[in-house]
């Protein structure tokens, strides 16, 4: 084997040393400019990532896959075993309020334990399971909402809402649910049409008249209104700006369209609201993500605005007015049509935000069970759309220990009531359907109630209970 001479070795060492010096000099320069971390960086450290809704993750959540019930031969928990877990929740000295709970074996439908199963209770955002089921069954999983721009004569163009309140300010992203379609997509089509017609000036109005009545449910007042959008059929990102809902999201969408047309060389003046002619032909259209993806986003993020809009869209599809109370009633009617007992169930909005809304742990568990039934194809996306413990949505920071990934459930929190509804996979790989509601506690007790509830569900996940 040939040996490297001293001259060659010196050359190699010199080149390597020179390269190291150059790399060090580049790194120091980048450090000073703040492009890489280091002692000389003159820029402040980047802020820590914020949780939703401060930062939106890039891209879309994958479409929910249907969940199949696991092997029915897996060891089944006994009623006595599950009752022991429930008793520990009931006897917990740190648990505020009263308990309603129902646990069902998903494999054979056996009710393992139930406590106050028919009590009509405030279940908070667990009620969104009802709204999701209604939207999937009445509207259909693959239905999309159309937004259009139509001419109304005398240089007036009308932005017509069709239920898409998740429009992007700019271009849409066909892989996303939020921002699947965008105002810029409409502006491109409108400006191209105007250019062809030789028109450089238009007047704009918005038509969101499909929704009637007040923009909020009757008893969603005061501070509660900050938790949802003034219901409308068209909006950019549910009308949220800097973490707060604007007073008139439809007008916000119209103003965004006007700005986009101005950027394209069209003089556009905003004139308010108008009713689009029935026989008008659209010069621009966009379509939302399909309903099943919208339902998934609603459940994952516990989005009140989406829920309220979906309930009103269900009402319209059922031939009812597009107001809040009709939306709530349409949801209850749709759930009843699925064969679920709706005794004690009242909805006057779609979100569970109203203190008048009520349902039972029986109705909630029956709906989740329907979603696991292969014969209920339209509801197949419901259970897997629920947040997953320690992973995503409103359970991303809950049940994150040994129960992580074993619970998929909808959360709910009001001042005097908390709830959790969904499925839990036991240590023996048996899937259980459950709903638990802690209620009637004093103000300030929600945190302790939620802690007790999470401990209960974590025990279900940890036990075979056989």
Protein backbone atom coordinates (compact mmCIF):
# COMPACT_ATOMS: atom_id res chain seq x y z
CA UNK A 1 0.00 0.00 0.00
CA UNK A 2 1.47 3.39 -0.99
CA UNK A 3 2.44 5.76 1.84
CA UNK A 4 1.60 9.45 1.82
CA UNK A 5 4.69 11.59 1.84
CA UNK A 6 5.33 14.41 4.27
CA UNK A 7 4.69 17.07 1.60
CA UNK A 8 1.32 15.54 0.74
CA UNK A 9 0.44 15.30 4.41
CA UNK A 10 1.33 18.96 4.91
CA UNK A 11 -0.83 19.95 1.97
CA UNK A 12 -3.80 18.02 3.34
CA UNK A 13 -3.37 19.56 6.77
CA UNK A 14 -3.04 23.06 5.28
CA UNK A 15 -6.19 22.65 3.16
CA UNK A 16 -8.17 21.25 6.06
CA UNK A 17 -7.01 24.01 8.35
CA UNK A 18 -7.81 26.72 5.83
CA UNK A 19 -11.27 25.25 5.25
CA UNK A 20 -11.93 25.24 8.98
CA UNK A 21 -10.88 28.90 9.25
CA UNK A 22 -13.19 29.85 6.37
CA UNK A 23 -16.12 27.94 7.86
CA UNK A 24 -15.52 29.55 11.24
CA UNK A 25 -15.45 33.01 9.67
CA UNK A 26 -18.72 32.34 7.83
CA UNK A 27 -20.35 31.08 11.01
CA UNK A 28 -19.21 34.16 12.98
CA UNK A 29 -20.64 36.42 10.25
CA UNK A 30 -23.97 34.58 10.29
CA UNK A 31 -23.95 34.64 14.08
CA UNK A 32 -23.53 38.41 14.14
CA UNK A 33 -26.40 38.82 11.67
CA UNK A 34 -28.64 36.60 13.76
CA UNK A 35 -28.97 33.95 11.05
CA UNK A 36 -27.68 31.18 13.31
CA UNK A 37 -27.66 30.79 17.11
CA UNK A 38 -24.51 31.91 18.88
CA UNK A 39 -22.97 34.21 21.44
CA UNK A 40 -22.61 37.14 19.03
CA UNK A 41 -26.18 37.21 17.73
CA UNK A 42 -27.55 40.73 17.94
CA UNK A 43 -31.15 39.69 17.32
CA UNK A 44 -33.40 38.59 20.18
CA UNK A 45 -34.10 34.90 20.49
CA UNK A 46 -37.20 33.82 18.55
CA UNK A 47 -40.31 33.56 20.70
CA UNK A 48 -41.53 30.17 21.83
CA UNK A 49 -44.22 28.60 19.69
CA UNK A 50 -47.73 29.48 20.77
CA UNK A 51 -50.64 27.04 20.98
CA UNK A 52 -53.66 27.24 18.69
CA UNK A 53 -55.16 29.69 17.77
CA UNK A 54 -52.03 31.83 17.90
CA UNK A 55 -50.21 29.76 15.30
CA UNK A 56 -51.74 27.69 12.51
CA UNK A 57 -49.85 24.56 11.57
CA UNK A 58 -48.93 24.34 7.87
CA UNK A 59 -51.07 22.13 5.68
CA UNK A 60 -54.22 20.28 6.55
CA UNK A 61 -54.97 17.56 9.01
CA UNK A 62 -55.26 14.25 7.20
CA UNK A 63 -58.80 13.19 6.50
CA UNK A 64 -60.16 11.06 9.29
CA UNK A 65 -60.18 7.36 8.54
CA UNK A 66 -63.03 5.18 9.68
CA UNK A 67 -62.36 3.45 12.99
CA UNK A 68 -63.11 -0.25 13.11
CA UNK A 69 -64.14 -1.89 16.34
CA UNK A 70 -61.23 -3.95 17.61
CA UNK A 71 -61.14 -7.71 17.93
CA UNK A 72 -64.29 -8.72 19.84
CA UNK A 73 -62.27 -11.61 21.28
CA UNK A 74 -60.17 -9.16 23.31
CA UNK A 75 -60.79 -9.63 27.05
CA UNK A 76 -64.03 -7.89 27.94
CA UNK A 77 -64.28 -5.73 31.04
CA UNK A 78 -66.96 -6.65 33.53
CA UNK A 79 -69.65 -4.37 34.87
CA UNK A 80 -68.15 -4.86 38.34
CA UNK A 81 -64.70 -3.85 37.18
CA UNK A 82 -65.88 -0.67 35.45
CA UNK A 83 -68.21 0.14 38.35
CA UNK A 84 -65.19 0.20 40.63
CA UNK A 85 -63.60 2.91 38.50
CA UNK A 86 -66.83 4.91 38.51
CA UNK A 87 -67.16 4.56 42.28
CA UNK A 88 -63.69 6.01 42.76
CA UNK A 89 -64.76 9.04 40.72
CA UNK A 90 -67.97 9.42 42.71
CA UNK A 91 -66.11 9.05 46.03
CA UNK A 92 -63.27 11.39 45.07
CA UNK A 93 -63.20 14.03 47.83
CA UNK A 94 -61.61 16.56 45.47
CA UNK A 95 -64.33 16.18 42.84
CA UNK A 96 -66.76 19.10 42.78
CA UNK A 97 -70.36 18.78 41.68
CA UNK A 98 -72.42 15.76 40.62
CA UNK A 99 -71.60 12.93 38.21
CA UNK A 100 -73.43 11.48 35.22
CA UNK A 101 -71.62 8.73 33.34
CA UNK A 102 -72.24 5.91 30.90
CA UNK A 103 -69.72 3.32 29.68
CA UNK A 104 -70.51 0.84 26.90
CA UNK A 105 -68.55 -2.07 25.45
CA UNK A 106 -68.10 -1.06 21.82
CA UNK A 107 -67.70 -4.64 20.64
CA UNK A 108 -71.08 -5.99 21.76
CA UNK A 109 -72.99 -2.90 22.88
CA UNK A 110 -73.31 -4.01 26.50
CA UNK A 111 -73.87 -1.14 28.91
CA UNK A 112 -71.24 -1.74 31.58
CA UNK A 113 -72.22 1.04 33.94
CA UNK A 114 -74.46 4.10 33.91
CA UNK A 115 -75.26 6.78 36.43
CA UNK A 116 -78.03 9.31 35.74
CA UNK A 117 -78.10 8.16 32.08
CA UNK A 118 -81.26 10.10 31.20
CA UNK A 119 -80.55 13.32 33.10
CA UNK A 120 -80.78 16.34 30.79
CA UNK A 121 -77.51 18.19 31.44
CA UNK A 122 -75.39 21.02 30.14
CA UNK A 123 -72.68 19.05 28.34
CA UNK A 124 -70.91 22.14 26.97
CA UNK A 125 -68.95 21.42 23.80
CA UNK A 126 -69.67 17.70 23.89
CA UNK A 127 -72.90 18.89 22.23
CA UNK A 128 -70.83 19.47 19.08
CA UNK A 129 -70.97 15.70 18.60
CA UNK A 130 -74.70 16.14 17.94
CA UNK A 131 -74.02 18.95 15.47
CA UNK A 132 -71.33 16.93 13.72
CA UNK A 133 -73.61 13.90 13.39
CA UNK A 134 -76.43 16.08 12.05
CA UNK A 135 -74.16 17.74 9.47
CA UNK A 136 -72.77 14.41 8.27
CA UNK A 137 -76.18 12.75 8.04
CA UNK A 138 -78.22 15.63 6.60
CA UNK A 139 -75.71 17.56 4.50
CA UNK A 140 -73.56 14.56 3.57
CA UNK A 141 -69.84 13.99 4.18
CA UNK A 142 -68.73 15.09 0.70
CA UNK A 143 -70.94 18.18 0.37
CA UNK A 144 -69.10 21.44 -0.24
CA UNK A 145 -70.28 25.00 0.34
CA UNK A 146 -70.17 27.36 -2.64
CA UNK A 147 -69.24 31.03 -2.50
CA UNK A 148 -69.97 33.07 -5.61
CA UNK A 149 -69.92 36.53 -7.13
CA UNK A 150 -72.87 37.46 -9.34
CA UNK A 151 -73.80 40.59 -11.33
CA UNK A 152 -76.85 42.49 -10.13
CA UNK A 153 -77.02 45.23 -12.76
CA UNK A 154 -75.76 48.82 -12.93
CA UNK A 155 -72.19 47.81 -12.21
CA UNK A 156 -73.07 46.05 -8.95
CA UNK A 157 -71.47 42.74 -8.09
CA UNK A 158 -72.77 40.70 -5.16
CA UNK A 159 -70.67 38.33 -3.05
CA UNK A 160 -73.07 35.50 -2.22
CA UNK A 161 -72.38 33.37 0.83
CA UNK A 162 -73.16 29.68 0.80
CA UNK A 163 -71.82 28.54 4.16
CA UNK A 164 -68.06 28.73 3.72
CA UNK A 165 -66.78 30.80 6.64
CA UNK A 166 -63.25 29.42 6.38
CA UNK A 167 -62.14 31.39 3.32
CA UNK A 168 -58.50 32.42 3.12
CA UNK A 169 -57.67 36.08 2.71
CA UNK A 170 -55.38 35.23 -0.20
CA UNK A 171 -55.28 32.17 -2.42
CA UNK A 172 -56.89 28.97 -1.27
CA UNK A 173 -55.00 25.82 -0.40
CA UNK A 174 -56.73 22.74 -1.85
CA UNK A 175 -55.03 20.54 0.75
CA UNK A 176 -56.39 22.56 3.69
CA UNK A 177 -59.73 22.81 5.45
CA UNK A 178 -59.27 26.32 6.82
CA UNK A 179 -58.54 28.37 3.74
CA UNK A 180 -59.43 25.61 1.28
CA UNK A 181 -60.74 28.40 -0.96
CA UNK A 182 -59.63 32.01 -0.89
CA UNK A 183 -60.85 35.52 -1.61
CA UNK A 184 -57.95 35.88 -4.04
CA UNK A 185 -59.39 32.98 -6.06
CA UNK A 186 -62.64 34.92 -6.47
CA UNK A 187 -60.78 38.14 -7.26
CA UNK A 188 -58.78 36.44 -10.03
CA UNK A 189 -61.96 35.19 -11.68
CA UNK A 190 -63.80 38.50 -11.30
CA UNK A 191 -60.91 40.61 -12.62
CA UNK A 192 -60.50 38.32 -15.63
CA UNK A 193 -64.23 38.65 -16.40
CA UNK A 194 -64.10 42.44 -16.02
CA UNK A 195 -61.03 42.72 -18.21
CA UNK A 196 -62.77 40.77 -20.94
CA UNK A 197 -65.76 43.11 -20.66
CA UNK A 198 -63.54 46.20 -20.66
CA UNK A 199 -64.71 47.25 -17.18
CA UNK A 200 -62.36 48.77 -14.62
CA UNK A 201 -64.81 50.01 -11.98
CA UNK A 202 -67.43 48.11 -9.94
CA UNK A 203 -69.62 48.44 -6.88
CA UNK A 204 -69.71 45.59 -4.38
CA UNK A 205 -72.31 44.24 -1.95
CA UNK A 206 -72.65 41.04 0.07
CA UNK A 207 -75.62 38.68 0.34
CA UNK A 208 -75.69 36.52 3.47
CA UNK A 209 -79.48 36.53 3.65
CA UNK A 210 -79.77 32.73 3.85
CA UNK A 211 -79.30 33.12 7.59
CA UNK A 212 -82.13 34.97 9.29
CA UNK A 213 -82.89 36.27 12.75
CA UNK A 214 -80.26 37.36 15.23
CA UNK A 215 -76.62 36.38 14.60
CA UNK A 216 -76.42 34.77 18.07
CA UNK A 217 -78.61 32.35 20.01
CA UNK A 218 -81.01 34.10 22.38
CA UNK A 219 -79.13 33.45 25.62
CA UNK A 220 -75.62 33.77 24.21
CA UNK A 221 -75.06 37.31 25.43
CA UNK A 222 -72.38 39.59 26.80
CA UNK A 223 -68.98 38.02 27.30
CA UNK A 224 -70.15 34.70 25.84
CA UNK A 225 -70.35 36.33 22.42
CA UNK A 226 -66.59 36.67 22.35
CA UNK A 227 -66.39 32.88 22.01
CA UNK A 228 -68.20 32.62 18.68
CA UNK A 229 -68.76 34.46 15.43
CA UNK A 230 -71.84 36.48 14.53
CA UNK A 231 -73.39 33.80 12.33
CA UNK A 232 -73.14 34.43 8.60
CA UNK A 233 -72.81 32.45 5.39
CA UNK A 234 -69.50 33.97 4.28
CA UNK A 235 -66.37 34.98 6.18
CA UNK A 236 -62.60 34.99 6.07
CA UNK A 237 -61.35 32.57 8.74
CA UNK A 238 -64.62 32.87 10.73
CA UNK A 239 -64.12 36.61 10.90
CA UNK A 240 -61.30 36.28 13.40
CA UNK A 241 -58.67 39.02 13.41
CA UNK A 242 -55.80 38.96 15.92
CA UNK A 243 -57.62 36.34 17.98
CA UNK A 244 -60.93 38.21 18.21
CA UNK A 245 -64.13 37.96 16.19
CA UNK A 246 -65.09 41.03 14.17
CA UNK A 247 -68.58 42.51 14.53
CA UNK A 248 -69.59 41.84 10.91
CA UNK A 249 -67.60 39.01 9.30
CA UNK A 250 -69.56 39.11 6.04
CA UNK A 251 -68.67 42.75 5.51
CA UNK A 252 -65.09 41.90 6.38
CA UNK A 253 -65.06 39.32 3.58
CA UNK A 254 -66.52 41.90 1.17
CA UNK A 255 -63.88 44.47 2.08
CA UNK A 256 -61.19 41.86 1.58
CA UNK A 257 -62.58 41.18 -1.90
CA UNK A 258 -62.57 44.91 -2.66
CA UNK A 259 -58.92 45.16 -1.63
CA UNK A 260 -58.02 42.15 -3.76
CA UNK A 261 -59.73 43.64 -6.81
CA UNK A 262 -57.95 46.96 -6.24
CA UNK A 263 -54.64 45.11 -6.27
CA UNK A 264 -55.67 43.77 -9.68
CA UNK A 265 -56.34 47.21 -11.14
CA UNK A 266 -60.09 47.32 -10.54
CA UNK A 267 -61.65 50.26 -8.71
CA UNK A 268 -64.06 48.63 -6.24
CA UNK A 269 -66.36 50.48 -3.86
CA UNK A 270 -68.10 48.72 -0.96
CA UNK A 271 -71.82 49.49 -0.68
CA UNK A 272 -73.11 47.12 2.00
CA UNK A 273 -75.70 44.37 1.63
CA UNK A 274 -77.91 43.45 -1.30
CA UNK A 275 -79.97 40.46 -2.38
CA UNK A 276 -78.56 38.67 -5.40
CA UNK A 277 -80.99 38.16 -8.31
CA UNK A 278 -82.38 34.63 -8.39
CA UNK A 279 -81.53 34.18 -12.07
CA UNK A 280 -78.02 35.66 -11.94
CA UNK A 281 -75.17 33.67 -13.43
CA UNK A 282 -72.05 33.60 -11.30
CA UNK A 283 -68.87 35.09 -12.75
CA UNK A 284 -66.75 33.60 -9.96
CA UNK A 285 -67.14 30.62 -7.64
CA UNK A 286 -65.18 28.73 -5.03
CA UNK A 287 -65.92 25.61 -3.02
CA UNK A 288 -65.10 24.78 0.57
CA UNK A 289 -63.50 21.61 1.87
CA UNK A 290 -66.03 18.76 2.19
CA UNK A 291 -68.32 18.65 5.20
CA UNK A 292 -66.54 15.70 6.81
CA UNK A 293 -63.31 17.70 6.96
CA UNK A 294 -65.14 20.75 8.29
CA UNK A 295 -66.75 18.60 10.99
CA UNK A 296 -63.32 17.22 11.89
CA UNK A 297 -61.91 20.73 12.28
CA UNK A 298 -64.91 21.77 14.37
CA UNK A 299 -64.47 18.81 16.73
CA UNK A 300 -60.69 19.00 16.92
CA UNK A 301 -60.59 22.72 17.66
CA UNK A 302 -63.97 22.89 19.43
CA UNK A 303 -64.77 25.74 17.06
CA UNK A 304 -68.03 27.40 18.13
CA UNK A 305 -68.32 29.49 14.98
CA UNK A 306 -68.16 26.48 12.67
CA UNK A 307 -70.67 24.62 14.84
CA UNK A 308 -73.18 27.47 14.74
CA UNK A 309 -72.90 27.77 10.96
CA UNK A 310 -73.24 24.00 10.43
CA UNK A 311 -76.39 23.86 12.56
CA UNK A 312 -78.00 26.61 10.48
CA UNK A 313 -76.95 24.90 7.24
CA UNK A 314 -78.61 21.72 8.52
CA UNK A 315 -81.77 23.76 9.17
CA UNK A 316 -81.78 25.13 5.63
CA UNK A 317 -81.29 21.65 4.19
CA UNK A 318 -84.25 20.46 6.27
CA UNK A 319 -86.46 23.25 4.92
CA UNK A 320 -86.36 25.29 8.13
CA UNK A 321 -85.39 28.96 8.55
CA UNK A 322 -81.70 29.73 8.87
CA UNK A 323 -81.87 31.15 12.38
CA UNK A 324 -80.21 29.94 15.57
CA UNK A 325 -83.15 28.18 17.17
CA UNK A 326 -84.12 26.45 13.92
CA UNK A 327 -80.52 25.30 13.60
CA UNK A 328 -80.59 23.82 17.07
CA UNK A 329 -83.93 22.12 16.46
CA UNK A 330 -82.73 20.76 13.12
CA UNK A 331 -79.75 19.17 14.89
CA UNK A 332 -82.03 17.50 17.46
CA UNK A 333 -84.39 16.32 14.71
CA UNK A 334 -81.50 14.87 12.70
CA UNK A 335 -80.11 13.01 15.71
CA UNK A 336 -83.57 11.60 16.42
CA UNK A 337 -83.87 10.49 12.80
CA UNK A 338 -80.73 8.41 13.34
CA UNK A 339 -82.60 6.41 15.96
CA UNK A 340 -81.07 8.09 18.99
CA UNK A 341 -83.38 8.87 21.91
CA UNK A 342 -83.40 12.67 22.15
CA UNK A 343 -85.56 12.90 25.27
CA UNK A 344 -84.15 15.76 27.33
CA UNK A 345 -82.07 17.07 24.42
CA UNK A 346 -82.43 20.79 23.68
CA UNK A 347 -80.24 22.80 21.34
CA UNK A 348 -80.72 26.48 20.59
CA UNK A 349 -77.32 26.82 18.96
CA UNK A 350 -74.89 24.38 17.40
CA UNK A 351 -71.95 24.82 19.73
CA UNK A 352 -73.14 23.90 23.21
CA UNK A 353 -72.22 27.42 24.28
CA UNK A 354 -75.76 28.27 25.34
CA UNK A 355 -76.64 27.37 28.93
CA UNK A 356 -80.04 26.27 27.62
CA UNK A 357 -78.48 23.46 25.56
CA UNK A 358 -78.82 20.06 27.19
CA UNK A 359 -78.56 16.38 26.37
CA UNK A 360 -77.90 13.06 28.07
CA UNK A 361 -74.89 10.79 28.38
CA UNK A 362 -77.06 8.12 26.73
CA UNK A 363 -77.63 10.20 23.59
CA UNK A 364 -73.92 11.06 23.38
CA UNK A 365 -72.66 7.49 23.77
CA UNK A 366 -75.30 6.20 21.34
CA UNK A 367 -74.13 8.68 18.70
CA UNK A 368 -70.49 7.67 19.10
CA UNK A 369 -71.52 4.01 18.91
CA UNK A 370 -73.40 4.74 15.67
CA UNK A 371 -70.22 6.19 14.22
CA UNK A 372 -68.50 2.87 14.94
CA UNK A 373 -71.28 0.91 13.23
CA UNK A 374 -70.25 -0.06 9.67
CA UNK A 375 -73.86 0.27 8.54
CA UNK A 376 -73.89 4.01 9.35
CA UNK A 377 -71.49 4.98 6.57
CA UNK A 378 -72.16 8.73 6.71
CA UNK A 379 -71.13 8.84 10.37
CA UNK A 380 -67.96 6.81 9.92
CA UNK A 381 -65.79 9.92 10.18
CA UNK A 382 -67.26 11.03 13.51
CA UNK A 383 -65.31 8.95 16.11
CA UNK A 384 -61.88 9.32 14.45
CA UNK A 385 -62.40 13.08 14.16
CA UNK A 386 -62.46 13.46 17.94
CA UNK A 387 -59.29 14.83 19.58
CA UNK A 388 -56.71 12.22 20.60
CA UNK A 389 -55.27 12.25 24.12
CA UNK A 390 -51.82 13.77 24.37
CA UNK A 391 -51.68 14.29 20.63
CA UNK A 392 -54.00 16.79 18.99
CA UNK A 393 -56.93 19.17 19.24
CA UNK A 394 -58.30 20.07 22.65
CA UNK A 395 -56.79 16.90 24.16
CA UNK A 396 -53.25 17.65 23.02
CA UNK A 397 -52.19 18.56 26.57
CA UNK A 398 -54.54 16.25 28.47
CA UNK A 399 -54.31 12.56 29.35
CA UNK A 400 -50.76 12.72 28.04
CA UNK A 401 -49.26 10.05 30.30
CA UNK A 402 -49.88 6.34 29.85
CA UNK A 403 -53.31 7.15 28.41
CA UNK A 404 -51.77 9.12 25.53
CA UNK A 405 -53.15 7.95 22.21
CA UNK A 406 -55.70 5.67 23.88
CA UNK A 407 -58.54 8.17 24.23
CA UNK A 408 -60.43 9.96 21.47
CA UNK A 409 -63.01 12.29 22.94
CA UNK A 410 -64.78 15.62 22.67
CA UNK A 411 -64.10 18.00 25.50
CA UNK A 412 -66.57 20.43 27.01
CA UNK A 413 -66.21 23.19 29.57
CA UNK A 414 -68.70 25.68 30.96
CA UNK A 415 -68.65 27.62 34.22
CA UNK A 416 -70.55 24.91 36.12
CA UNK A 417 -70.19 21.86 33.89
CA UNK A 418 -67.43 19.86 32.22
CA UNK A 419 -67.73 16.82 29.99
CA UNK A 420 -65.78 14.29 27.97
CA UNK A 421 -67.33 11.97 25.38
CA UNK A 422 -65.76 9.45 23.04
CA UNK A 423 -63.84 6.18 23.09
CA UNK A 424 -61.11 4.70 25.28
CA UNK A 425 -58.92 1.70 24.54
CA UNK A 426 -58.31 -0.40 27.65
CA UNK A 427 -55.07 -2.13 28.60
CA UNK A 428 -56.62 -5.34 27.22
CA UNK A 429 -57.18 -3.65 23.83
CA UNK A 430 -60.94 -3.49 24.32
CA UNK A 431 -62.62 -0.37 22.94
CA UNK A 432 -65.16 1.30 25.22
CA UNK A 433 -67.56 4.12 24.40
CA UNK A 434 -68.12 6.58 27.24
CA UNK A 435 -69.56 9.92 28.25
CA UNK A 436 -68.94 11.57 31.60
CA UNK A 437 -70.35 14.88 32.80
CA UNK A 438 -69.45 16.65 36.05
CA UNK A 439 -72.01 19.35 36.70
CA UNK A 440 -73.73 21.68 39.16
CA UNK A 441 -70.53 22.78 40.88
CA UNK A 442 -69.79 26.31 42.04
CA UNK A 443 -68.02 28.83 39.85
CA UNK A 444 -64.30 28.22 39.91
CA UNK A 445 -64.69 24.45 40.19
CA UNK A 446 -64.19 23.60 36.52
CA UNK A 447 -60.46 22.95 36.80
CA UNK A 448 -60.76 20.52 39.71
CA UNK A 449 -63.72 18.82 38.00
CA UNK A 450 -61.70 18.33 34.84
CA UNK A 451 -58.80 16.87 36.80
CA UNK A 452 -61.11 14.33 38.47
CA UNK A 453 -62.68 13.48 35.13
CA UNK A 454 -59.32 12.94 33.43
CA UNK A 455 -58.19 10.69 36.28
CA UNK A 456 -61.33 8.62 35.77
CA UNK A 457 -60.76 8.20 32.02
CA UNK A 458 -57.07 7.43 32.54
CA UNK A 459 -58.11 4.65 34.95
CA UNK A 460 -60.43 3.24 32.31
CA UNK A 461 -57.57 3.18 29.86
CA UNK A 462 -55.22 1.51 32.36
CA UNK A 463 -57.55 -1.21 33.56
CA UNK A 464 -58.65 -4.40 31.95
CA UNK A 465 -61.53 -4.26 34.42
CA UNK A 466 -62.22 -7.93 33.83
